[in-house]
Amino acid sequence: MEVPTKATPAGCVIGLVGIALVGYAIASGWVCYLTIQSAEIVKKGSLLRFYGISCGVSLVGGLWLLRLGWRWALEADMSDPDDPDKPVMRF
């Protein structure tokens, strides 16, 4: 297996995790919406509580990770991405 030759800012990886959390928040919000619209579900309270809290926490956490990753990516030392003496993942 070949070793990567280009460096990547660590903030990009953190930003990808933030994007995944925002995607989960959207999916949880969609489940909340479908639960509210459903007439077949009798006890909606526990579903709405679980998916509502999941949606809120993952949205806030995802946006925070996106902000943190953006800042770290812009502050990373990317002066020479092809230098083999520097680390491949840079902060």
N, C-alpha and C. Protein backbone atom coordinates (compact mmCIF):
# COMPACT_ATOMS: atom_id res chain seq x y z
N MET A 1 0.85 -1.17 0.00
CA MET A 1 0.00 0.00 0.00
C MET A 1 0.89 1.24 0.00
N GLU A 2 0.53 2.19 -0.82
CA GLU A 2 1.35 3.38 -0.96
C GLU A 2 1.06 4.38 0.16
N VAL A 3 2.08 5.13 0.51
CA VAL A 3 1.96 6.18 1.52
C VAL A 3 1.46 7.44 0.83
N PRO A 4 0.51 8.17 1.43
CA PRO A 4 0.04 9.41 0.81
C PRO A 4 1.18 10.41 0.65
N THR A 5 1.16 11.14 -0.45
CA THR A 5 2.23 12.10 -0.71
C THR A 5 1.82 13.53 -0.44
N LYS A 6 0.56 13.80 -0.28
CA LYS A 6 0.09 15.16 -0.01
C LYS A 6 -0.38 15.26 1.43
N ALA A 7 -0.15 16.41 2.03
CA ALA A 7 -0.61 16.65 3.39
C ALA A 7 -2.06 17.15 3.37
N THR A 8 -2.76 16.87 4.45
CA THR A 8 -4.14 17.29 4.61
C THR A 8 -4.28 18.01 5.94
N PRO A 9 -4.97 19.15 5.98
CA PRO A 9 -5.23 19.79 7.27
C PRO A 9 -6.17 18.93 8.11
N ALA A 10 -5.88 18.79 9.38
CA ALA A 10 -6.73 17.99 10.27
C ALA A 10 -8.13 18.59 10.40
N GLY A 11 -8.24 19.87 10.20
CA GLY A 11 -9.54 20.52 10.27
C GLY A 11 -10.52 19.99 9.23
N CYS A 12 -10.01 19.52 8.11
CA CYS A 12 -10.89 18.95 7.08
C CYS A 12 -11.54 17.67 7.57
N VAL A 13 -10.79 16.85 8.28
CA VAL A 13 -11.34 15.60 8.81
C VAL A 13 -12.38 15.91 9.89
N ILE A 14 -12.07 16.87 10.74
CA ILE A 14 -13.02 17.27 11.78
C ILE A 14 -14.28 17.86 11.14
N GLY A 15 -14.12 18.62 10.07
CA GLY A 15 -15.27 19.16 9.35
C GLY A 15 -16.15 18.07 8.75
N LEU A 16 -15.54 17.00 8.28
CA LEU A 16 -16.33 15.88 7.74
C LEU A 16 -17.17 15.22 8.83
N VAL A 17 -16.63 15.12 10.03
CA VAL A 17 -17.40 14.57 11.15
C VAL A 17 -18.56 15.52 11.47
N GLY A 18 -18.31 16.81 11.41
CA GLY A 18 -19.38 17.79 11.63
C GLY A 18 -20.48 17.69 10.58
N ILE A 19 -20.10 17.47 9.33
CA ILE A 19 -21.09 17.30 8.26
C ILE A 19 -21.93 16.06 8.50
N ALA A 20 -21.29 14.97 8.97
CA ALA A 20 -22.03 13.75 9.27
C ALA A 20 -23.03 13.98 10.41
N LEU A 21 -22.63 14.73 11.42
CA LEU A 21 -23.56 15.02 12.53
C LEU A 21 -24.73 15.89 12.08
N VAL A 22 -24.47 16.86 11.22
CA VAL A 22 -25.57 17.68 10.70
C VAL A 22 -26.51 16.82 9.86
N GLY A 23 -25.97 15.88 9.10
CA GLY A 23 -26.81 14.95 8.33
C GLY A 23 -27.68 14.10 9.24
N TYR A 24 -27.10 13.63 10.36
CA TYR A 24 -27.89 12.87 11.33
C TYR A 24 -28.98 13.74 11.96
N ALA A 25 -28.66 15.01 12.19
CA ALA A 25 -29.67 15.92 12.75
C ALA A 25 -30.83 16.10 11.78
N ILE A 26 -30.53 16.20 10.50
CA ILE A 26 -31.59 16.33 9.50
C ILE A 26 -32.45 15.06 9.47
N ALA A 27 -31.80 13.90 9.53
CA ALA A 27 -32.56 12.64 9.53
C ALA A 27 -33.42 12.52 10.79
N SER A 28 -32.89 12.91 11.94
CA SER A 28 -33.68 12.86 13.19
C SER A 28 -34.84 13.83 13.14
N GLY A 29 -34.62 14.99 12.57
CA GLY A 29 -35.71 15.95 12.42
C GLY A 29 -36.80 15.43 11.51
N TRP A 30 -36.39 14.72 10.45
CA TRP A 30 -37.37 14.13 9.53
C TRP A 30 -38.20 13.05 10.23
N VAL A 31 -37.54 12.25 11.08
CA VAL A 31 -38.27 11.23 11.84
C VAL A 31 -39.25 11.90 12.81
N CYS A 32 -38.84 12.99 13.42
CA CYS A 32 -39.76 13.74 14.30
C CYS A 32 -40.98 14.23 13.53
N TYR A 33 -40.73 14.77 12.35
CA TYR A 33 -41.83 15.26 11.52
C TYR A 33 -42.78 14.12 11.14
N LEU A 34 -42.23 12.98 10.74
CA LEU A 34 -43.06 11.85 10.37
C LEU A 34 -43.83 11.30 11.56
N THR A 35 -43.21 11.35 12.75
CA THR A 35 -43.90 10.89 13.96
C THR A 35 -45.07 11.80 14.29
N ILE A 36 -44.90 13.09 14.14
CA ILE A 36 -45.99 14.02 14.40
C ILE A 36 -47.13 13.81 13.42
N GLN A 37 -46.81 13.56 12.16
CA GLN A 37 -47.83 13.40 11.13
C GLN A 37 -48.54 12.04 11.17
N SER A 38 -47.94 11.05 11.82
CA SER A 38 -48.50 9.71 11.82
C SER A 38 -49.73 9.62 12.73
N ALA A 39 -50.76 8.99 12.21
CA ALA A 39 -51.97 8.76 12.99
C ALA A 39 -51.97 7.37 13.62
N GLU A 40 -51.08 6.50 13.19
CA GLU A 40 -51.04 5.12 13.67
C GLU A 40 -50.26 4.96 14.97
N ILE A 41 -49.35 5.87 15.27
CA ILE A 41 -48.55 5.77 16.48
C ILE A 41 -49.35 6.35 17.64
N VAL A 42 -49.56 5.53 18.69
CA VAL A 42 -50.39 5.96 19.81
C VAL A 42 -49.58 6.78 20.81
N LYS A 43 -48.45 6.26 21.26
CA LYS A 43 -47.63 6.97 22.25
C LYS A 43 -46.45 7.62 21.55
N LYS A 44 -46.60 8.89 21.23
CA LYS A 44 -45.59 9.62 20.48
C LYS A 44 -44.56 10.31 21.37
N GLY A 45 -44.85 10.42 22.64
CA GLY A 45 -44.01 11.22 23.54
C GLY A 45 -42.56 10.75 23.60
N SER A 46 -42.35 9.46 23.77
CA SER A 46 -40.98 8.97 23.91
C SER A 46 -40.22 9.08 22.59
N LEU A 47 -40.88 8.83 21.47
CA LEU A 47 -40.22 8.97 20.17
C LEU A 47 -39.84 10.43 19.89
N LEU A 48 -40.77 11.32 20.16
CA LEU A 48 -40.49 12.74 19.93
C LEU A 48 -39.38 13.24 20.85
N ARG A 49 -39.38 12.79 22.09
CA ARG A 49 -38.34 13.20 23.03
C ARG A 49 -36.98 12.71 22.57
N PHE A 50 -36.88 11.42 22.20
CA PHE A 50 -35.60 10.85 21.80
C PHE A 50 -35.07 11.51 20.53
N TYR A 51 -35.89 11.55 19.48
CA TYR A 51 -35.42 12.10 18.22
C TYR A 51 -35.29 13.63 18.26
N GLY A 52 -36.08 14.29 19.06
CA GLY A 52 -35.95 15.73 19.21
C GLY A 52 -34.65 16.12 19.89
N ILE A 53 -34.34 15.41 20.98
CA ILE A 53 -33.08 15.68 21.68
C ILE A 53 -31.90 15.28 20.79
N SER A 54 -31.99 14.15 20.09
CA SER A 54 -30.93 13.73 19.17
C SER A 54 -30.71 14.77 18.08
N CYS A 55 -31.79 15.30 17.55
CA CYS A 55 -31.70 16.31 16.51
C CYS A 55 -31.01 17.57 17.02
N GLY A 56 -31.42 18.05 18.17
CA GLY A 56 -30.84 19.27 18.72
C GLY A 56 -29.37 19.13 19.09
N VAL A 57 -29.05 18.04 19.78
CA VAL A 57 -27.66 17.83 20.22
C VAL A 57 -26.74 17.63 19.02
N SER A 58 -27.15 16.82 18.06
CA SER A 58 -26.28 16.57 16.91
C SER A 58 -26.16 17.81 16.02
N LEU A 59 -27.20 18.62 15.93
CA LEU A 59 -27.11 19.84 15.14
C LEU A 59 -26.14 20.83 15.78
N VAL A 60 -26.26 21.04 17.08
CA VAL A 60 -25.35 21.96 17.77
C VAL A 60 -23.92 21.43 17.73
N GLY A 61 -23.74 20.13 18.00
CA GLY A 61 -22.41 19.54 17.97
C GLY A 61 -21.81 19.56 16.57
N GLY A 62 -22.61 19.29 15.56
CA GLY A 62 -22.12 19.30 14.19
C GLY A 62 -21.71 20.68 13.73
N LEU A 63 -22.50 21.68 14.06
CA LEU A 63 -22.14 23.05 13.69
C LEU A 63 -20.89 23.51 14.43
N TRP A 64 -20.75 23.10 15.69
CA TRP A 64 -19.55 23.45 16.45
C TRP A 64 -18.31 22.79 15.84
N LEU A 65 -18.43 21.51 15.45
CA LEU A 65 -17.29 20.82 14.82
C LEU A 65 -16.97 21.42 13.45
N LEU A 66 -17.96 21.83 12.71
CA LEU A 66 -17.70 22.50 11.44
C LEU A 66 -16.93 23.81 11.65
N ARG A 67 -17.33 24.56 12.64
CA ARG A 67 -16.64 25.82 12.94
C ARG A 67 -15.21 25.57 13.39
N LEU A 68 -15.02 24.58 14.26
CA LEU A 68 -13.69 24.24 14.75
C LEU A 68 -12.81 23.72 13.61
N GLY A 69 -13.34 22.84 12.78
CA GLY A 69 -12.58 22.32 11.66
C GLY A 69 -12.20 23.39 10.66
N TRP A 70 -13.12 24.32 10.42
CA TRP A 70 -12.84 25.42 9.50
C TRP A 70 -11.67 26.25 10.02
N ARG A 71 -11.71 26.57 11.31
CA ARG A 71 -10.65 27.38 11.91
C ARG A 71 -9.31 26.64 11.87
N TRP A 72 -9.30 25.35 12.22
CA TRP A 72 -8.07 24.58 12.20
C TRP A 72 -7.52 24.41 10.78
N ALA A 73 -8.41 24.26 9.81
CA ALA A 73 -7.95 24.10 8.43
C ALA A 73 -7.30 25.37 7.91
N LEU A 74 -7.83 26.52 8.30
CA LEU A 74 -7.25 27.78 7.85
C LEU A 74 -5.94 28.11 8.57
N GLU A 75 -5.77 27.61 9.80
CA GLU A 75 -4.56 27.90 10.57
C GLU A 75 -3.45 26.87 10.34
N ALA A 76 -3.71 25.80 9.62
CA ALA A 76 -2.71 24.74 9.42
C ALA A 76 -1.57 25.24 8.55
N ASP A 77 -0.37 24.75 8.84
CA ASP A 77 0.82 25.09 8.07
C ASP A 77 0.86 24.23 6.81
N MET A 78 0.38 24.77 5.73
CA MET A 78 0.34 24.05 4.46
C MET A 78 1.30 24.67 3.46
N SER A 79 2.45 25.17 3.96
CA SER A 79 3.40 25.86 3.08
C SER A 79 3.98 24.93 2.03
N ASP A 80 4.25 23.67 2.39
CA ASP A 80 4.80 22.71 1.43
C ASP A 80 4.11 21.36 1.64
N PRO A 81 2.98 21.12 0.97
CA PRO A 81 2.24 19.86 1.21
C PRO A 81 2.96 18.61 0.71
N ASP A 82 3.99 18.76 -0.12
CA ASP A 82 4.71 17.60 -0.66
C ASP A 82 5.94 17.22 0.15
N ASP A 83 6.24 17.93 1.23
CA ASP A 83 7.44 17.68 2.01
C ASP A 83 7.29 16.37 2.79
N PRO A 84 8.14 15.34 2.53
CA PRO A 84 8.01 14.06 3.23
C PRO A 84 8.49 14.11 4.68
N ASP A 85 9.19 15.17 5.08
CA ASP A 85 9.68 15.26 6.46
C ASP A 85 8.63 15.81 7.42
N LYS A 86 7.59 16.42 6.89
CA LYS A 86 6.51 16.96 7.73
C LYS A 86 5.39 15.92 7.83
N PRO A 87 4.55 16.01 8.86
CA PRO A 87 3.48 15.02 9.01
C PRO A 87 2.44 15.14 7.89
N VAL A 88 1.76 14.03 7.64
CA VAL A 88 0.74 14.01 6.58
C VAL A 88 -0.52 14.72 7.07
N MET A 89 -0.87 14.57 8.33
CA MET A 89 -2.03 15.26 8.91
C MET A 89 -1.50 16.44 9.71
N ARG A 90 -1.88 17.64 9.30
CA ARG A 90 -1.33 18.84 9.93
C ARG A 90 -2.41 19.62 10.66
N PHE A 91 -2.04 20.13 11.83
CA PHE A 91 -2.95 20.95 12.64
C PHE A 91 -2.61 22.41 12.48
